[in-house]
Amino acid sequence: MVDVGDAIKCPECQTLGRVVWVSLDKKTMGVRCRMSHRETSRTASRYGATLVPSTKTRKNVVFITAVS
């Protein structure tokens, strides 16, 4: 059973994060990590499918994951 405030490993970098949200059916949760993570990749133009990795980082990112 997972509750809000529990310490859980971040799914991206494996450091300790905190559970900030649990769904009503208890199957998904939001884990906030205090480390820096890169933003998601986006396409360079609307005419091509080339992905451009972002160089920006953000702290306190929340990852939505399945409860294990």
PDB file of N, CA and C in Angstrom:
ATOM      1  N   MET A   1       0.854  -1.175   0.000  1.00  0.00           N
ATOM      2  CA  MET A   1       0.000   0.000   0.000  1.00  0.00           C
ATOM      3  C   MET A   1       0.897   1.235   0.000  1.00  0.00           C
ATOM      4  N   VAL A   2       0.625   2.155  -0.899  1.00  0.00           N
ATOM      5  CA  VAL A   2       1.399   3.376  -1.034  1.00  0.00           C
ATOM      6  C   VAL A   2       0.533   4.549  -0.597  1.00  0.00           C
ATOM      7  N   ASP A   3       1.100   5.433   0.193  1.00  0.00           N
ATOM      8  CA  ASP A   3       0.396   6.623   0.643  1.00  0.00           C
ATOM      9  C   ASP A   3       1.173   7.870   0.228  1.00  0.00           C
ATOM     10  N   VAL A   4       0.501   9.007   0.207  1.00  0.00           N
ATOM     11  CA  VAL A   4       1.137  10.275  -0.109  1.00  0.00           C
ATOM     12  C   VAL A   4       2.173  10.584   0.967  1.00  0.00           C
ATOM     13  N   GLY A   5       3.378  10.950   0.540  1.00  0.00           N
ATOM     14  CA  GLY A   5       4.454  11.272   1.461  1.00  0.00           C
ATOM     15  C   GLY A   5       5.479  10.169   1.616  1.00  0.00           C
ATOM     16  N   ASP A   6       5.195   8.971   1.101  1.00  0.00           N
ATOM     17  CA  ASP A   6       6.144   7.864   1.185  1.00  0.00           C
ATOM     18  C   ASP A   6       7.353   8.132   0.301  1.00  0.00           C
ATOM     19  N   ALA A   7       8.501   7.619   0.702  1.00  0.00           N
ATOM     20  CA  ALA A   7       9.733   7.731  -0.085  1.00  0.00           C
ATOM     21  C   ALA A   7       9.798   6.548  -1.041  1.00  0.00           C
ATOM     22  N   ILE A   8       9.924   6.868  -2.342  1.00  0.00           N
ATOM     23  CA  ILE A   8       9.971   5.866  -3.411  1.00  0.00           C
ATOM     24  C   ILE A   8      11.121   6.242  -4.341  1.00  0.00           C
ATOM     25  N   LYS A   9      11.750   5.237  -4.972  1.00  0.00           N
ATOM     26  CA  LYS A   9      12.795   5.523  -5.957  1.00  0.00           C
ATOM     27  C   LYS A   9      12.197   6.167  -7.193  1.00  0.00           C
ATOM     28  N   CYS A  10      12.895   7.148  -7.710  1.00  0.00           N
ATOM     29  CA  CYS A  10      12.485   7.823  -8.944  1.00  0.00           C
ATOM     30  C   CYS A  10      12.607   6.817 -10.098  1.00  0.00           C
ATOM     31  N   PRO A  11      11.593   6.731 -10.970  1.00  0.00           N
ATOM     32  CA  PRO A  11      11.683   5.779 -12.085  1.00  0.00           C
ATOM     33  C   PRO A  11      12.720   6.166 -13.137  1.00  0.00           C
ATOM     34  N   GLU A  12      13.163   7.397 -13.136  1.00  0.00           N
ATOM     35  CA  GLU A  12      14.115   7.871 -14.146  1.00  0.00           C
ATOM     36  C   GLU A  12      15.564   7.747 -13.680  1.00  0.00           C
ATOM     37  N   CYS A  13      15.875   8.179 -12.463  1.00  0.00           N
ATOM     38  CA  CYS A  13      17.274   8.245 -12.026  1.00  0.00           C
ATOM     39  C   CYS A  13      17.581   7.402 -10.793  1.00  0.00           C
ATOM     40  N   GLN A  14      16.608   6.737 -10.218  1.00  0.00           N
ATOM     41  CA  GLN A  14      16.773   5.827  -9.087  1.00  0.00           C
ATOM     42  C   GLN A  14      17.204   6.497  -7.784  1.00  0.00           C
ATOM     43  N   THR A  15      17.031   7.826  -7.648  1.00  0.00           N
ATOM     44  CA  THR A  15      17.246   8.478  -6.359  1.00  0.00           C
ATOM     45  C   THR A  15      15.915   8.507  -5.613  1.00  0.00           C
ATOM     46  N   LEU A  16      15.955   8.843  -4.342  1.00  0.00           N
ATOM     47  CA  LEU A  16      14.719   8.856  -3.562  1.00  0.00           C
ATOM     48  C   LEU A  16      13.854  10.054  -3.919  1.00  0.00           C
ATOM     49  N   GLY A  17      12.590   9.791  -4.134  1.00  0.00           N
ATOM     50  CA  GLY A  17      11.608  10.823  -4.401  1.00  0.00           C
ATOM     51  C   GLY A  17      10.438  10.648  -3.447  1.00  0.00           C
ATOM     52  N   ARG A  18       9.434  11.483  -3.576  1.00  0.00           N
ATOM     53  CA  ARG A  18       8.258  11.434  -2.709  1.00  0.00           C
ATOM     54  C   ARG A  18       7.001  11.182  -3.533  1.00  0.00           C
ATOM     55  N   VAL A  19       6.089  10.409  -2.976  1.00  0.00           N
ATOM     56  CA  VAL A  19       4.784  10.201  -3.600  1.00  0.00           C
ATOM     57  C   VAL A  19       3.944  11.434  -3.312  1.00  0.00           C
ATOM     58  N   VAL A  20       3.453  12.101  -4.365  1.00  0.00           N
ATOM     59  CA  VAL A  20       2.659  13.314  -4.199  1.00  0.00           C
ATOM     60  C   VAL A  20       1.209  13.117  -4.618  1.00  0.00           C
ATOM     61  N   TRP A  21       0.902  11.991  -5.270  1.00  0.00           N
ATOM     62  CA  TRP A  21      -0.460  11.743  -5.732  1.00  0.00           C
ATOM     63  C   TRP A  21      -0.674  10.250  -5.885  1.00  0.00           C
ATOM     64  N   VAL A  22      -1.836   9.766  -5.458  1.00  0.00           N
ATOM     65  CA  VAL A  22      -2.229   8.371  -5.655  1.00  0.00           C
ATOM     66  C   VAL A  22      -3.634   8.383  -6.237  1.00  0.00           C
ATOM     67  N   SER A  23      -3.860   7.586  -7.283  1.00  0.00           N
ATOM     68  CA  SER A  23      -5.175   7.559  -7.925  1.00  0.00           C
ATOM     69  C   SER A  23      -6.207   6.913  -7.002  1.00  0.00           C
ATOM     70  N   LEU A  24      -7.465   7.127  -7.313  1.00  0.00           N
ATOM     71  CA  LEU A  24      -8.538   6.576  -6.484  1.00  0.00           C
ATOM     72  C   LEU A  24      -8.564   5.058  -6.494  1.00  0.00           C
ATOM     73  N   ASP A  25      -8.187   4.445  -7.615  1.00  0.00           N
ATOM     74  CA  ASP A  25      -8.173   2.982  -7.679  1.00  0.00           C
ATOM     75  C   ASP A  25      -6.853   2.381  -7.185  1.00  0.00           C
ATOM     76  N   LYS A  26      -5.930   3.217  -6.717  1.00  0.00           N
ATOM     77  CA  LYS A  26      -4.639   2.797  -6.141  1.00  0.00           C
ATOM     78  C   LYS A  26      -3.748   2.045  -7.131  1.00  0.00           C
ATOM     79  N   LYS A  27      -3.896   2.329  -8.440  1.00  0.00           N
ATOM     80  CA  LYS A  27      -3.075   1.647  -9.438  1.00  0.00           C
ATOM     81  C   LYS A  27      -1.982   2.529 -10.013  1.00  0.00           C
ATOM     82  N   THR A  28      -2.115   3.844  -9.917  1.00  0.00           N
ATOM     83  CA  THR A  28      -1.090   4.762 -10.408  1.00  0.00           C
ATOM     84  C   THR A  28      -0.749   5.783  -9.334  1.00  0.00           C
ATOM     85  N   MET A  29       0.465   6.314  -9.436  1.00  0.00           N
ATOM     86  CA  MET A  29       0.915   7.305  -8.456  1.00  0.00           C
ATOM     87  C   MET A  29       1.808   8.310  -9.139  1.00  0.00           C
ATOM     88  N   GLY A  30       1.950   9.477  -8.527  1.00  0.00           N
ATOM     89  CA  GLY A  30       2.851  10.510  -9.000  1.00  0.00           C
ATOM     90  C   GLY A  30       4.036  10.606  -8.058  1.00  0.00           C
ATOM     91  N   VAL A  31       5.247  10.471  -8.598  1.00  0.00           N
ATOM     92  CA  VAL A  31       6.473  10.517  -7.796  1.00  0.00           C
ATOM     93  C   VAL A  31       7.232  11.775  -8.179  1.00  0.00           C
ATOM     94  N   ARG A  32       7.492  12.655  -7.205  1.00  0.00           N
ATOM     95  CA  ARG A  32       8.249  13.883  -7.457  1.00  0.00           C
ATOM     96  C   ARG A  32       9.707  13.644  -7.100  1.00  0.00           C
ATOM     97  N   CYS A  33      10.591  13.960  -8.045  1.00  0.00           N
ATOM     98  CA  CYS A  33      12.029  13.803  -7.846  1.00  0.00           C
ATOM     99  C   CYS A  33      12.650  15.186  -7.714  1.00  0.00           C
ATOM    100  N   ARG A  34      13.558  15.356  -6.756  1.00  0.00           N
ATOM    101  CA  ARG A  34      14.178  16.657  -6.518  1.00  0.00           C
ATOM    102  C   ARG A  34      15.413  16.889  -7.377  1.00  0.00           C
ATOM    103  N   MET A  35      15.847  15.880  -8.115  1.00  0.00           N
ATOM    104  CA  MET A  35      17.019  16.017  -8.979  1.00  0.00           C
ATOM    105  C   MET A  35      16.634  16.686 -10.302  1.00  0.00           C
ATOM    106  N   SER A  36      17.633  17.098 -11.072  1.00  0.00           N
ATOM    107  CA  SER A  36      17.391  17.729 -12.375  1.00  0.00           C
ATOM    108  C   SER A  36      17.179  16.656 -13.436  1.00  0.00           C
ATOM    109  N   HIS A  37      16.136  16.846 -14.244  1.00  0.00           N
ATOM    110  CA  HIS A  37      15.836  15.943 -15.349  1.00  0.00           C
ATOM    111  C   HIS A  37      15.652  16.767 -16.609  1.00  0.00           C
ATOM    112  N   ARG A  38      16.030  16.197 -17.747  1.00  0.00           N
ATOM    113  CA  ARG A  38      15.861  16.888 -19.025  1.00  0.00           C
ATOM    114  C   ARG A  38      14.390  16.943 -19.405  1.00  0.00           C
ATOM    115  N   GLU A  39      14.034  18.001 -20.123  1.00  0.00           N
ATOM    116  CA  GLU A  39      12.681  18.100 -20.658  1.00  0.00           C
ATOM    117  C   GLU A  39      12.498  17.062 -21.753  1.00  0.00           C
ATOM    118  N   THR A  40      11.259  16.791 -22.111  1.00  0.00           N
ATOM    119  CA  THR A  40      10.987  15.812 -23.152  1.00  0.00           C
ATOM    120  C   THR A  40      11.450  16.321 -24.507  1.00  0.00           C
ATOM    121  N   SER A  41      11.746  15.401 -25.400  1.00  0.00           N
ATOM    122  CA  SER A  41      12.177  15.756 -26.748  1.00  0.00           C
ATOM    123  C   SER A  41      10.974  16.207 -27.560  1.00  0.00           C
ATOM    124  N   ARG A  42      11.219  17.079 -28.520  1.00  0.00           N
ATOM    125  CA  ARG A  42      10.151  17.543 -29.388  1.00  0.00           C
ATOM    126  C   ARG A  42      10.663  17.587 -30.821  1.00  0.00           C
ATOM    127  N   THR A  43       9.752  17.647 -31.753  1.00  0.00           N
ATOM    128  CA  THR A  43      10.157  17.664 -33.158  1.00  0.00           C
ATOM    129  C   THR A  43      10.723  19.030 -33.523  1.00  0.00           C
ATOM    130  N   ALA A  44      11.651  19.037 -34.454  1.00  0.00           N
ATOM    131  CA  ALA A  44      12.314  20.276 -34.868  1.00  0.00           C
ATOM    132  C   ALA A  44      11.389  21.132 -35.717  1.00  0.00           C
ATOM    133  N   SER A  45      10.599  20.520 -36.582  1.00  0.00           N
ATOM    134  CA  SER A  45       9.677  21.276 -37.420  1.00  0.00           C
ATOM    135  C   SER A  45       8.410  20.462 -37.633  1.00  0.00           C
ATOM    136  N   ARG A  46       7.402  21.107 -38.132  1.00  0.00           N
ATOM    137  CA  ARG A  46       6.159  20.390 -38.372  1.00  0.00           C
ATOM    138  C   ARG A  46       6.189  19.607 -39.680  1.00  0.00           C
ATOM    139  N   TYR A  47       7.259  19.751 -40.458  1.00  0.00           N
ATOM    140  CA  TYR A  47       7.368  19.053 -41.733  1.00  0.00           C
ATOM    141  C   TYR A  47       8.222  17.793 -41.641  1.00  0.00           C
ATOM    142  N   GLY A  48       8.963  17.621 -40.589  1.00  0.00           N
ATOM    143  CA  GLY A  48       9.806  16.448 -40.466  1.00  0.00           C
ATOM    144  C   GLY A  48       9.569  15.733 -39.147  1.00  0.00           C
ATOM    145  N   ALA A  49       9.999  14.498 -39.073  1.00  0.00           N
ATOM    146  CA  ALA A  49       9.799  13.704 -37.869  1.00  0.00           C
ATOM    147  C   ALA A  49      11.075  13.579 -37.059  1.00  0.00           C
ATOM    148  N   THR A  50      12.011  14.491 -37.237  1.00  0.00           N
ATOM    149  CA  THR A  50      13.284  14.447 -36.531  1.00  0.00           C
ATOM    150  C   THR A  50      13.090  14.936 -35.099  1.00  0.00           C
ATOM    151  N   LEU A  51      13.516  14.134 -34.138  1.00  0.00           N
ATOM    152  CA  LEU A  51      13.430  14.531 -32.736  1.00  0.00           C
ATOM    153  C   LEU A  51      14.676  15.297 -32.341  1.00  0.00           C
ATOM    154  N   VAL A  52      14.485  16.396 -31.657  1.00  0.00           N
ATOM    155  CA  VAL A  52      15.585  17.214 -31.182  1.00  0.00           C
ATOM    156  C   VAL A  52      15.616  17.115 -29.664  1.00  0.00           C
ATOM    157  N   PRO A  53      16.688  16.553 -29.088  1.00  0.00           N
ATOM    158  CA  PRO A  53      16.734  16.466 -27.631  1.00  0.00           C
ATOM    159  C   PRO A  53      16.847  17.849 -26.998  1.00  0.00           C
ATOM    160  N   SER A  54      16.126  18.061 -25.935  1.00  0.00           N
ATOM    161  CA  SER A  54      16.136  19.350 -25.264  1.00  0.00           C
ATOM    162  C   SER A  54      17.365  19.464 -24.368  1.00  0.00           C
ATOM    163  N   THR A  55      17.896  20.656 -24.235  1.00  0.00           N
ATOM    164  CA  THR A  55      19.042  20.882 -23.358  1.00  0.00           C
ATOM    165  C   THR A  55      18.617  21.476 -22.021  1.00  0.00           C
ATOM    166  N   LYS A  56      17.343  21.823 -21.886  1.00  0.00           N
ATOM    167  CA  LYS A  56      16.848  22.403 -20.644  1.00  0.00           C
ATOM    168  C   LYS A  56      16.597  21.311 -19.617  1.00  0.00           C
ATOM    169  N   THR A  57      16.854  21.641 -18.359  1.00  0.00           N
ATOM    170  CA  THR A  57      16.563  20.712 -17.274  1.00  0.00           C
ATOM    171  C   THR A  57      15.591  21.363 -16.300  1.00  0.00           C
ATOM    172  N   ARG A  58      14.873  20.531 -15.586  1.00  0.00           N
ATOM    173  CA  ARG A  58      13.923  21.010 -14.587  1.00  0.00           C
ATOM    174  C   ARG A  58      14.070  20.191 -13.324  1.00  0.00           C
ATOM    175  N   LYS A  59      13.842  20.837 -12.191  1.00  0.00           N
ATOM    176  CA  LYS A  59      13.842  20.150 -10.903  1.00  0.00           C
ATOM    177  C   LYS A  59      12.406  19.935 -10.466  1.00  0.00           C
ATOM    178  N   ASN A  60      12.226  19.027  -9.520  1.00  0.00           N
ATOM    179  CA  ASN A  60      10.914  18.688  -8.950  1.00  0.00           C
ATOM    180  C   ASN A  60       9.921  18.230 -10.009  1.00  0.00           C
ATOM    181  N   VAL A  61      10.376  17.374 -10.907  1.00  0.00           N
ATOM    182  CA  VAL A  61       9.524  16.809 -11.946  1.00  0.00           C
ATOM    183  C   VAL A  61       8.690  15.690 -11.334  1.00  0.00           C
ATOM    184  N   VAL A  62       7.424  15.597 -11.726  1.00  0.00           N
ATOM    185  CA  VAL A  62       6.545  14.535 -11.235  1.00  0.00           C
ATOM    186  C   VAL A  62       6.380  13.504 -12.341  1.00  0.00           C
ATOM    187  N   PHE A  63       6.675  12.233 -12.026  1.00  0.00           N
ATOM    188  CA  PHE A  63       6.522  11.122 -12.948  1.00  0.00           C
ATOM    189  C   PHE A  63       5.298  10.329 -12.539  1.00  0.00           C
ATOM    190  N   ILE A  64       4.425  10.030 -13.503  1.00  0.00           N
ATOM    191  CA  ILE A  64       3.256   9.203 -13.263  1.00  0.00           C
ATOM    192  C   ILE A  64       3.647   7.768 -13.555  1.00  0.00           C
ATOM    193  N   THR A  65       3.570   6.882 -12.563  1.00  0.00           N
ATOM    194  CA  THR A  65       3.970   5.493 -12.714  1.00  0.00           C
ATOM    195  C   THR A  65       2.925   4.568 -12.119  1.00  0.00           C
ATOM    196  N   ALA A  66       3.048   3.297 -12.431  1.00  0.00           N
ATOM    197  CA  ALA A  66       2.155   2.286 -11.873  1.00  0.00           C
ATOM    198  C   ALA A  66       2.636   1.923 -10.468  1.00  0.00           C
ATOM    199  N   VAL A  67       1.694   1.650  -9.586  1.00  0.00           N
ATOM    200  CA  VAL A  67       2.033   1.228  -8.231  1.00  0.00           C
ATOM    201  C   VAL A  67       2.510  -0.215  -8.307  1.00  0.00           C
ATOM    202  N   SER A  68       3.658  -0.488  -7.739  1.00  0.00           N
ATOM    203  CA  SER A  68       4.181  -1.868  -7.782  1.00  0.00           C
ATOM    204  C   SER A  68       4.031  -2.566  -6.451  1.00  0.00           C
TER     205      SER A  68
END
